[in-house]
N, C-alpha and C. Protein backbone atom coordinates (compact mmCIF):
# COMPACT_ATOMS: atom_id res chain seq x y z
N UNK A 1 88.74 54.70 171.59
CA UNK A 1 89.07 55.18 172.93
C UNK A 1 90.48 55.79 172.89
N UNK A 2 90.57 57.00 173.36
CA UNK A 2 91.85 57.70 173.36
C UNK A 2 92.63 57.34 174.63
N UNK A 3 93.91 56.99 174.45
CA UNK A 3 94.79 56.69 175.57
C UNK A 3 95.76 57.85 175.76
N UNK A 4 96.01 58.19 177.02
CA UNK A 4 96.94 59.26 177.35
C UNK A 4 98.13 58.67 178.10
N UNK A 5 99.31 58.81 177.53
CA UNK A 5 100.54 58.39 178.23
C UNK A 5 100.79 59.46 179.28
N UNK A 6 100.83 59.07 180.56
CA UNK A 6 100.87 60.08 181.60
C UNK A 6 101.70 59.68 182.80
N UNK A 7 102.07 60.71 183.58
CA UNK A 7 102.88 60.50 184.78
C UNK A 7 102.72 61.69 185.71
N UNK A 8 103.09 61.48 186.97
CA UNK A 8 103.06 62.53 187.99
C UNK A 8 104.51 62.84 188.32
N UNK A 9 104.86 64.14 188.35
CA UNK A 9 106.26 64.51 188.54
C UNK A 9 106.40 65.88 189.19
N UNK A 10 107.65 66.19 189.52
CA UNK A 10 108.03 67.52 189.99
C UNK A 10 108.78 68.22 188.87
N UNK A 11 108.43 69.46 188.64
CA UNK A 11 109.10 70.28 187.63
C UNK A 11 110.38 70.86 188.23
N UNK A 12 111.40 71.03 187.40
CA UNK A 12 112.66 71.61 187.84
C UNK A 12 112.78 73.06 187.36
N UNK A 13 113.31 73.94 188.20
CA UNK A 13 113.52 75.32 187.75
C UNK A 13 114.73 75.39 186.81
N UNK A 14 114.85 76.48 186.04
CA UNK A 14 115.95 76.62 185.08
C UNK A 14 117.34 76.47 185.69
N UNK A 15 117.59 76.97 186.88
CA UNK A 15 118.93 76.88 187.48
C UNK A 15 119.34 75.43 187.71
N UNK A 16 118.38 74.59 188.09
CA UNK A 16 118.67 73.16 188.31
C UNK A 16 118.94 72.49 186.97
N UNK A 17 118.14 72.81 185.97
CA UNK A 17 118.35 72.23 184.63
C UNK A 17 119.71 72.66 184.08
N UNK A 18 120.08 73.91 184.31
CA UNK A 18 121.40 74.39 183.85
C UNK A 18 122.53 73.61 184.51
N UNK A 19 122.37 73.31 185.80
CA UNK A 19 123.41 72.55 186.51
C UNK A 19 123.52 71.13 185.96
N UNK A 20 122.39 70.55 185.53
CA UNK A 20 122.42 69.21 184.94
C UNK A 20 123.11 69.23 183.58
N UNK A 21 122.94 70.32 182.85
CA UNK A 21 123.63 70.46 181.57
C UNK A 21 125.13 70.55 181.78
N UNK A 22 125.56 71.26 182.82
CA UNK A 22 126.99 71.33 183.16
C UNK A 22 127.51 69.94 183.50
N UNK A 23 126.73 69.16 184.25
CA UNK A 23 127.12 67.79 184.59
C UNK A 23 127.25 66.94 183.33
N UNK A 24 126.29 67.04 182.43
CA UNK A 24 126.36 66.29 181.17
C UNK A 24 127.64 66.64 180.41
N UNK A 25 127.98 67.92 180.34
CA UNK A 25 129.20 68.34 179.62
C UNK A 25 130.45 67.75 180.26
N UNK A 26 130.43 67.61 181.57
CA UNK A 26 131.56 67.01 182.28
C UNK A 26 131.68 65.52 181.96
N UNK A 27 130.54 64.84 181.84
CA UNK A 27 130.53 63.40 181.61
C UNK A 27 130.70 63.02 180.14
N UNK A 28 130.26 63.89 179.26
CA UNK A 28 130.24 63.60 177.82
C UNK A 28 131.56 63.04 177.28
N UNK A 29 132.71 63.66 177.57
CA UNK A 29 133.95 63.12 177.00
C UNK A 29 134.40 61.79 177.63
N UNK A 30 133.83 61.45 178.79
CA UNK A 30 134.26 60.25 179.50
C UNK A 30 133.44 59.01 179.17
N UNK A 31 132.22 59.22 178.71
CA UNK A 31 131.32 58.08 178.47
C UNK A 31 130.84 58.07 177.03
N UNK A 32 131.15 56.98 176.32
CA UNK A 32 130.73 56.85 174.93
C UNK A 32 129.33 56.26 174.85
N UNK A 33 128.72 56.42 173.71
CA UNK A 33 127.44 55.77 173.41
C UNK A 33 126.30 56.14 174.36
N UNK A 34 126.28 57.37 174.81
CA UNK A 34 125.16 57.83 175.63
C UNK A 34 124.40 58.91 174.88
N UNK A 35 123.10 58.74 174.83
CA UNK A 35 122.24 59.78 174.26
C UNK A 35 121.82 60.65 175.44
N UNK A 36 122.28 61.88 175.47
CA UNK A 36 122.02 62.77 176.58
C UNK A 36 120.62 63.37 176.48
N UNK A 37 119.95 63.41 177.60
CA UNK A 37 118.59 63.95 177.67
C UNK A 37 118.64 65.47 177.51
N UNK A 38 117.67 66.01 176.79
CA UNK A 38 117.55 67.47 176.72
C UNK A 38 117.13 67.95 178.10
N UNK A 39 117.96 68.82 178.69
CA UNK A 39 117.70 69.19 180.08
C UNK A 39 116.40 69.98 180.27
N UNK A 40 115.89 70.58 179.21
CA UNK A 40 114.62 71.31 179.38
C UNK A 40 113.44 70.36 179.57
N UNK A 41 113.66 69.07 179.38
CA UNK A 41 112.57 68.11 179.60
C UNK A 41 112.79 67.24 180.84
N UNK A 42 113.87 67.47 181.58
CA UNK A 42 114.15 66.65 182.77
C UNK A 42 113.19 67.04 183.89
N UNK A 43 112.67 66.04 184.58
CA UNK A 43 111.75 66.23 185.70
C UNK A 43 112.01 65.09 186.70
N UNK A 44 111.42 65.19 187.87
CA UNK A 44 111.56 64.12 188.86
C UNK A 44 110.23 63.35 188.88
N UNK A 45 110.24 62.17 188.27
CA UNK A 45 109.03 61.36 188.19
C UNK A 45 108.71 60.74 189.55
N UNK A 46 107.46 60.89 189.94
CA UNK A 46 106.98 60.29 191.19
C UNK A 46 106.15 59.04 190.94
N UNK A 47 105.38 59.05 189.84
CA UNK A 47 104.54 57.88 189.53
C UNK A 47 104.27 57.88 188.03
N UNK A 48 104.71 56.82 187.36
CA UNK A 48 104.43 56.67 185.93
C UNK A 48 103.12 55.90 185.81
N UNK A 49 102.13 56.52 185.20
CA UNK A 49 100.79 55.93 185.08
C UNK A 49 100.65 55.04 183.85
N UNK A 50 101.48 55.29 182.83
CA UNK A 50 101.40 54.54 181.59
C UNK A 50 100.35 55.13 180.67
N UNK A 51 99.91 54.32 179.72
CA UNK A 51 98.87 54.76 178.79
C UNK A 51 97.53 54.40 179.39
N UNK A 52 96.76 55.43 179.71
CA UNK A 52 95.47 55.22 180.37
C UNK A 52 94.36 55.94 179.61
N UNK A 53 93.14 55.44 179.80
CA UNK A 53 91.97 56.03 179.17
C UNK A 53 91.78 57.45 179.71
N UNK A 54 91.16 58.30 178.88
CA UNK A 54 90.93 59.69 179.25
C UNK A 54 90.11 59.80 180.53
N UNK A 55 89.12 58.94 180.70
CA UNK A 55 88.28 58.98 181.91
C UNK A 55 89.12 58.68 183.15
N UNK A 56 90.00 57.72 183.02
CA UNK A 56 90.86 57.36 184.15
C UNK A 56 91.84 58.48 184.45
N UNK A 57 92.35 59.14 183.41
CA UNK A 57 93.23 60.29 183.58
C UNK A 57 92.50 61.39 184.36
N UNK A 58 91.26 61.65 184.00
CA UNK A 58 90.46 62.67 184.70
C UNK A 58 90.27 62.27 186.17
N UNK A 59 90.06 60.99 186.44
CA UNK A 59 89.89 60.52 187.82
C UNK A 59 91.18 60.74 188.62
N UNK A 60 92.33 60.54 187.99
CA UNK A 60 93.60 60.80 188.67
C UNK A 60 93.70 62.28 189.01
N UNK A 61 93.38 63.14 188.05
CA UNK A 61 93.40 64.59 188.31
C UNK A 61 92.52 64.97 189.48
N UNK A 62 91.33 64.41 189.55
CA UNK A 62 90.41 64.69 190.66
C UNK A 62 90.96 64.18 191.99
N UNK A 63 91.61 63.01 191.97
CA UNK A 63 92.18 62.44 193.20
C UNK A 63 93.32 63.30 193.74
N UNK A 64 93.98 64.03 192.87
CA UNK A 64 95.11 64.85 193.29
C UNK A 64 94.72 66.29 193.62
N UNK A 65 93.60 66.76 193.11
CA UNK A 65 93.32 68.19 193.08
C UNK A 65 93.16 68.89 194.42
N UNK A 66 92.89 68.16 195.49
CA UNK A 66 92.73 68.85 196.78
C UNK A 66 94.05 69.34 197.36
N UNK A 67 95.15 68.98 196.75
CA UNK A 67 96.46 69.40 197.26
C UNK A 67 97.01 68.39 198.25
N UNK A 68 98.22 68.66 198.72
CA UNK A 68 98.90 67.73 199.61
C UNK A 68 99.31 68.43 200.89
N UNK A 69 98.71 68.03 202.00
CA UNK A 69 99.04 68.59 203.30
C UNK A 69 100.09 67.71 203.96
N UNK A 70 101.34 67.99 203.65
CA UNK A 70 102.44 67.18 204.20
C UNK A 70 103.40 68.03 205.03
N UNK A 71 102.94 69.19 205.47
CA UNK A 71 103.80 70.05 206.28
C UNK A 71 104.43 71.18 205.48
N UNK A 72 103.91 71.45 204.32
CA UNK A 72 104.38 72.58 203.52
C UNK A 72 105.41 72.20 202.48
N UNK A 73 105.78 73.20 201.66
CA UNK A 73 106.80 72.97 200.65
C UNK A 73 108.13 72.54 201.29
N UNK A 74 109.00 71.95 200.48
CA UNK A 74 110.29 71.48 200.97
C UNK A 74 111.34 71.69 199.89
N UNK A 75 112.60 71.46 200.24
CA UNK A 75 113.68 71.70 199.28
C UNK A 75 114.43 70.42 198.93
N UNK A 76 114.78 70.35 197.64
CA UNK A 76 115.59 69.25 197.11
C UNK A 76 116.72 69.84 196.29
N UNK A 77 117.70 69.02 195.97
CA UNK A 77 118.78 69.43 195.05
C UNK A 77 119.36 68.20 194.37
N UNK A 78 119.87 68.37 193.15
CA UNK A 78 120.54 67.24 192.50
C UNK A 78 121.92 67.05 193.12
N UNK A 79 122.34 65.79 193.26
CA UNK A 79 123.68 65.53 193.80
C UNK A 79 124.19 64.18 193.31
N UNK A 80 125.48 64.15 193.01
CA UNK A 80 126.11 62.92 192.57
C UNK A 80 125.54 62.43 191.25
N UNK A 81 126.02 61.28 190.82
CA UNK A 81 125.53 60.67 189.59
C UNK A 81 125.53 59.16 189.78
N UNK A 82 124.69 58.50 189.03
CA UNK A 82 124.59 57.05 189.13
C UNK A 82 124.04 56.47 187.85
N UNK A 83 123.74 55.18 187.89
CA UNK A 83 123.23 54.50 186.71
C UNK A 83 122.31 53.37 187.15
N UNK A 84 121.34 53.07 186.31
CA UNK A 84 120.45 51.93 186.54
C UNK A 84 120.63 50.95 185.41
N UNK A 85 120.66 49.64 185.62
CA UNK A 85 120.53 49.03 186.92
C UNK A 85 121.82 49.12 187.75
N UNK A 86 122.98 49.07 187.11
CA UNK A 86 124.28 49.19 187.79
C UNK A 86 125.24 49.93 186.86
N UNK A 87 126.25 50.60 187.40
CA UNK A 87 127.20 51.28 186.52
C UNK A 87 127.87 50.35 185.50
N UNK A 88 128.10 49.10 185.89
CA UNK A 88 128.74 48.14 184.99
C UNK A 88 127.83 47.71 183.85
N UNK A 89 126.52 47.86 184.04
CA UNK A 89 125.53 47.47 183.03
C UNK A 89 124.54 48.61 182.81
N UNK A 90 125.03 49.80 182.79
CA UNK A 90 124.17 50.98 182.74
C UNK A 90 123.27 51.00 181.52
N UNK A 91 122.00 51.28 181.76
CA UNK A 91 121.04 51.54 180.68
C UNK A 91 120.62 53.01 180.74
N UNK A 92 120.58 53.55 181.99
CA UNK A 92 120.16 54.92 182.23
C UNK A 92 121.18 55.59 183.13
N UNK A 93 121.57 56.82 182.79
CA UNK A 93 122.50 57.62 183.60
C UNK A 93 121.68 58.70 184.29
N UNK A 94 121.89 58.86 185.61
CA UNK A 94 121.05 59.76 186.39
C UNK A 94 121.88 60.65 187.31
N UNK A 95 121.29 61.77 187.70
CA UNK A 95 121.79 62.57 188.82
C UNK A 95 120.94 62.16 190.02
N UNK A 96 121.58 62.01 191.16
CA UNK A 96 120.84 61.68 192.37
C UNK A 96 120.09 62.90 192.89
N UNK A 97 119.29 62.69 193.93
CA UNK A 97 118.51 63.78 194.53
C UNK A 97 118.75 63.77 196.03
N UNK A 98 119.11 64.93 196.57
CA UNK A 98 119.31 65.09 198.00
C UNK A 98 118.39 66.18 198.52
N UNK A 99 118.53 66.48 199.80
CA UNK A 99 117.68 67.49 200.42
C UNK A 99 116.70 66.81 201.34
N UNK A 100 115.49 67.34 201.42
CA UNK A 100 114.48 66.80 202.32
C UNK A 100 113.78 65.59 201.68
N UNK A 101 114.52 64.49 201.60
CA UNK A 101 113.97 63.30 200.97
C UNK A 101 112.89 62.64 201.83
N UNK A 102 112.84 62.95 203.12
CA UNK A 102 111.75 62.43 203.97
C UNK A 102 110.43 63.07 203.56
N UNK A 103 110.44 64.37 203.28
CA UNK A 103 109.22 65.04 202.82
C UNK A 103 108.83 64.50 201.44
N UNK A 104 109.82 64.23 200.60
CA UNK A 104 109.55 63.66 199.28
C UNK A 104 108.90 62.28 199.43
N UNK A 105 109.40 61.47 200.35
CA UNK A 105 108.83 60.15 200.59
C UNK A 105 107.39 60.27 201.12
N UNK A 106 107.13 61.25 201.99
CA UNK A 106 105.77 61.47 202.50
C UNK A 106 104.83 61.88 201.37
N UNK A 107 105.32 62.71 200.45
CA UNK A 107 104.53 63.12 199.30
C UNK A 107 104.19 61.92 198.43
N UNK A 108 105.18 61.08 198.15
CA UNK A 108 104.95 59.89 197.34
C UNK A 108 103.95 58.94 198.03
N UNK A 109 104.07 58.80 199.33
CA UNK A 109 103.14 57.94 200.07
C UNK A 109 101.71 58.46 199.92
N UNK A 110 101.54 59.78 199.99
CA UNK A 110 100.22 60.39 199.84
C UNK A 110 99.67 60.16 198.42
N UNK A 111 100.53 60.29 197.43
CA UNK A 111 100.12 60.03 196.04
C UNK A 111 99.69 58.57 195.88
N UNK A 112 100.50 57.66 196.41
CA UNK A 112 100.17 56.23 196.33
C UNK A 112 98.80 55.93 196.96
N UNK A 113 98.51 56.54 198.11
CA UNK A 113 97.23 56.32 198.79
C UNK A 113 96.06 56.77 197.93
N UNK A 114 96.25 57.86 197.21
CA UNK A 114 95.15 58.38 196.39
C UNK A 114 94.97 57.59 195.10
N UNK A 115 96.05 57.00 194.60
CA UNK A 115 95.96 56.26 193.34
C UNK A 115 95.52 54.81 193.51
N UNK A 116 95.75 54.24 194.67
CA UNK A 116 95.41 52.83 194.91
C UNK A 116 93.93 52.54 194.65
N UNK A 117 92.98 53.36 195.13
CA UNK A 117 91.56 53.07 194.84
C UNK A 117 91.22 53.17 193.34
N UNK A 118 92.10 53.80 192.56
CA UNK A 118 91.87 53.91 191.12
C UNK A 118 92.53 52.77 190.35
N UNK A 119 93.13 51.82 191.09
CA UNK A 119 93.71 50.64 190.46
C UNK A 119 95.19 50.76 190.12
N UNK A 120 95.86 51.79 190.63
CA UNK A 120 97.30 51.94 190.38
C UNK A 120 98.06 51.39 191.57
N UNK A 121 98.88 50.40 191.32
CA UNK A 121 99.65 49.75 192.38
C UNK A 121 100.99 50.46 192.56
N UNK A 122 101.34 50.79 193.81
CA UNK A 122 102.65 51.43 194.04
C UNK A 122 103.79 50.52 193.59
N UNK A 123 104.87 51.14 193.19
CA UNK A 123 106.08 50.42 192.79
C UNK A 123 106.56 49.56 193.96
N UNK A 124 106.94 48.33 193.68
CA UNK A 124 107.42 47.42 194.74
C UNK A 124 108.86 47.73 195.15
N UNK A 125 109.64 48.18 194.18
CA UNK A 125 111.03 48.52 194.50
C UNK A 125 111.09 49.78 195.34
N UNK A 126 112.09 49.89 196.20
CA UNK A 126 112.22 51.13 196.99
C UNK A 126 112.39 52.33 196.06
N UNK A 127 111.79 53.45 196.44
CA UNK A 127 111.86 54.67 195.65
C UNK A 127 113.26 55.24 195.75
N UNK A 128 113.90 55.45 194.59
CA UNK A 128 115.22 56.08 194.52
C UNK A 128 115.07 57.32 193.66
N UNK A 129 114.85 58.48 194.29
CA UNK A 129 114.62 59.69 193.49
C UNK A 129 115.84 59.98 192.62
N UNK A 130 115.58 60.30 191.36
CA UNK A 130 116.66 60.55 190.42
C UNK A 130 116.18 61.40 189.26
N UNK A 131 117.13 61.97 188.57
CA UNK A 131 116.85 62.80 187.39
C UNK A 131 117.58 62.16 186.22
N UNK A 132 116.86 61.65 185.26
CA UNK A 132 117.48 60.96 184.12
C UNK A 132 118.17 61.98 183.22
N UNK A 133 119.48 61.80 183.04
CA UNK A 133 120.25 62.74 182.21
C UNK A 133 120.80 62.09 180.94
N UNK A 134 120.69 60.76 180.83
CA UNK A 134 121.14 60.09 179.61
C UNK A 134 120.74 58.63 179.58
N UNK A 135 120.79 58.07 178.38
CA UNK A 135 120.48 56.66 178.18
C UNK A 135 121.57 56.04 177.29
N UNK A 136 122.01 54.84 177.67
CA UNK A 136 123.02 54.14 176.87
C UNK A 136 122.36 53.74 175.56
N UNK A 137 123.01 54.07 174.46
CA UNK A 137 122.41 53.87 173.13
C UNK A 137 122.32 52.42 172.71
N UNK A 138 123.40 51.67 172.95
CA UNK A 138 123.43 50.29 172.47
C UNK A 138 123.76 49.33 173.58
N UNK A 139 123.06 48.22 173.57
CA UNK A 139 123.31 47.18 174.56
C UNK A 139 124.78 46.76 174.49
N UNK A 140 125.34 46.48 175.63
CA UNK A 140 126.72 46.02 175.78
C UNK A 140 127.74 47.06 175.36
N UNK A 141 127.35 48.33 175.32
CA UNK A 141 128.26 49.42 175.00
C UNK A 141 128.28 50.39 176.17
N UNK A 142 128.86 49.98 177.30
CA UNK A 142 128.82 50.78 178.50
C UNK A 142 130.12 51.56 178.70
N UNK A 143 130.96 51.62 177.68
CA UNK A 143 132.30 52.19 177.80
C UNK A 143 132.35 53.51 178.51
N UNK A 144 133.09 53.56 179.59
CA UNK A 144 133.36 54.80 180.29
C UNK A 144 132.30 55.24 181.28
N UNK A 145 131.17 54.58 181.34
CA UNK A 145 130.10 55.05 182.22
C UNK A 145 130.55 55.00 183.68
N UNK A 146 131.09 53.88 184.11
CA UNK A 146 131.50 53.74 185.51
C UNK A 146 132.55 54.78 185.88
N UNK A 147 133.52 54.99 185.00
CA UNK A 147 134.57 55.98 185.25
C UNK A 147 133.99 57.40 185.28
N UNK A 148 133.08 57.67 184.37
CA UNK A 148 132.45 58.99 184.31
C UNK A 148 131.68 59.28 185.60
N UNK A 149 130.98 58.27 186.10
CA UNK A 149 130.22 58.46 187.33
C UNK A 149 131.14 58.76 188.51
N UNK A 150 132.31 58.15 188.52
CA UNK A 150 133.29 58.44 189.56
C UNK A 150 133.73 59.89 189.52
N UNK A 151 133.82 60.45 188.32
CA UNK A 151 134.22 61.85 188.16
C UNK A 151 133.12 62.81 188.60
N UNK A 152 131.92 62.29 188.79
CA UNK A 152 130.79 63.16 189.15
C UNK A 152 130.33 62.96 190.59
N UNK A 153 131.11 62.22 191.39
CA UNK A 153 130.71 61.95 192.77
C UNK A 153 130.46 63.22 193.58
N UNK A 154 131.23 64.26 193.30
CA UNK A 154 131.13 65.49 194.09
C UNK A 154 130.12 66.49 193.52
N UNK A 155 129.39 66.11 192.48
CA UNK A 155 128.42 67.03 191.88
C UNK A 155 127.31 67.37 192.86
N UNK A 156 127.00 68.66 192.96
CA UNK A 156 125.85 69.12 193.73
C UNK A 156 125.29 70.34 193.03
N UNK A 157 124.03 70.25 192.65
CA UNK A 157 123.37 71.36 191.97
C UNK A 157 122.64 72.24 192.97
N UNK A 158 122.06 73.31 192.50
CA UNK A 158 121.35 74.24 193.38
C UNK A 158 120.05 73.62 193.92
N UNK A 159 119.64 74.09 195.09
CA UNK A 159 118.39 73.64 195.68
C UNK A 159 117.21 74.29 194.98
N UNK A 160 116.09 73.59 195.02
CA UNK A 160 114.85 74.19 194.55
C UNK A 160 113.75 73.87 195.55
N UNK A 161 112.79 74.78 195.63
CA UNK A 161 111.66 74.65 196.55
C UNK A 161 110.54 73.91 195.84
N UNK A 162 110.15 72.79 196.39
CA UNK A 162 109.08 71.97 195.83
C UNK A 162 107.77 72.48 196.40
N UNK A 163 106.97 73.10 195.53
CA UNK A 163 105.70 73.70 195.97
C UNK A 163 104.48 73.10 195.29
N UNK A 164 104.71 72.31 194.24
CA UNK A 164 103.57 71.73 193.52
C UNK A 164 103.97 70.41 192.86
N UNK A 165 102.94 69.62 192.61
CA UNK A 165 103.05 68.34 191.92
C UNK A 165 102.28 68.51 190.61
N UNK A 166 102.79 67.93 189.54
CA UNK A 166 102.16 68.11 188.24
C UNK A 166 101.81 66.76 187.62
N UNK A 167 100.59 66.69 187.09
CA UNK A 167 100.14 65.54 186.31
C UNK A 167 100.37 65.90 184.84
N UNK A 168 101.22 65.12 184.17
CA UNK A 168 101.62 65.39 182.80
C UNK A 168 101.04 64.36 181.84
N UNK A 169 100.93 64.77 180.59
CA UNK A 169 100.78 63.80 179.50
C UNK A 169 102.08 63.84 178.71
N UNK A 170 102.38 62.73 178.06
CA UNK A 170 103.61 62.59 177.30
C UNK A 170 103.25 62.14 175.88
N UNK A 171 103.70 62.91 174.91
CA UNK A 171 103.43 62.59 173.51
C UNK A 171 104.76 62.21 172.86
N UNK A 172 104.90 60.96 172.47
CA UNK A 172 106.15 60.50 171.87
C UNK A 172 106.25 61.00 170.43
N UNK A 173 107.30 61.75 170.14
CA UNK A 173 107.56 62.34 168.83
C UNK A 173 108.90 61.83 168.31
N UNK A 174 109.16 61.92 167.01
CA UNK A 174 110.46 61.48 166.48
C UNK A 174 111.65 62.20 167.13
N UNK A 175 111.48 63.45 167.51
CA UNK A 175 112.56 64.22 168.13
C UNK A 175 112.63 64.06 169.64
N UNK A 176 111.79 63.22 170.20
CA UNK A 176 111.76 63.01 171.65
C UNK A 176 110.37 63.26 172.20
N UNK A 177 110.16 62.88 173.42
CA UNK A 177 108.85 63.05 174.06
C UNK A 177 108.57 64.52 174.34
N UNK A 178 107.31 64.89 174.17
CA UNK A 178 106.86 66.23 174.51
C UNK A 178 105.95 66.09 175.73
N UNK A 179 106.34 66.76 176.83
CA UNK A 179 105.59 66.67 178.08
C UNK A 179 104.70 67.90 178.23
N UNK A 180 103.43 67.66 178.52
CA UNK A 180 102.48 68.75 178.68
C UNK A 180 101.89 68.70 180.09
N UNK A 181 102.11 69.76 180.90
CA UNK A 181 101.49 69.79 182.22
C UNK A 181 99.98 69.96 182.08
N UNK A 182 99.21 69.08 182.74
CA UNK A 182 97.76 69.14 182.59
C UNK A 182 97.06 69.53 183.90
N UNK A 183 97.60 69.10 185.03
CA UNK A 183 97.02 69.43 186.33
C UNK A 183 98.18 69.79 187.27
N UNK A 184 98.07 70.94 187.94
CA UNK A 184 99.08 71.37 188.89
C UNK A 184 98.45 71.43 190.27
N UNK A 185 99.09 70.80 191.27
CA UNK A 185 98.52 70.66 192.60
C UNK A 185 99.51 71.20 193.63
N UNK A 186 99.04 72.04 194.55
CA UNK A 186 99.91 72.66 195.54
C UNK A 186 100.23 71.72 196.70
N UNK A 187 101.36 71.99 197.31
CA UNK A 187 101.79 71.28 198.51
C UNK A 187 101.60 72.24 199.68
N UNK A 188 100.85 71.80 200.69
CA UNK A 188 100.59 72.65 201.86
C UNK A 188 101.23 72.04 203.09
């Protein structure tokens, strides 16, 4: 049985990815031991499905394919920087997301409703939209992360129009994950 590592996400346009690269360059000298994400692979994850059977993957695609009637496309932008779980114990370095986050929350709620009958349980933690831009390489090596995040408080990237949701597969390779868009669904 073939398993597909998959997730549902929003794709970022080149201008947004370029702004994240500028942010990384600003943070790089301030924070040690961070492996910076290749910005051409950064996306806004809405639901991580994990490794699922091909039949279940197809069922997810069918559940999403009618599109999302949430009042039309909306705009988001990257802003600020943060870390999970906390800046003092950072494992992941992120850019925050601003803009029409209410429309984003409505979209996520619609996705959750469609996935629940397929056995996917919504995340219990509150949704904090973010764009992963780096990961701390070694445990207990958080040097400079908190200070670097302070230097990025005023960061704001360009807005982008969210017009579609994408169901991706992820293939883990030695050089990093390769994301392949498999189903693209419009927002109406």
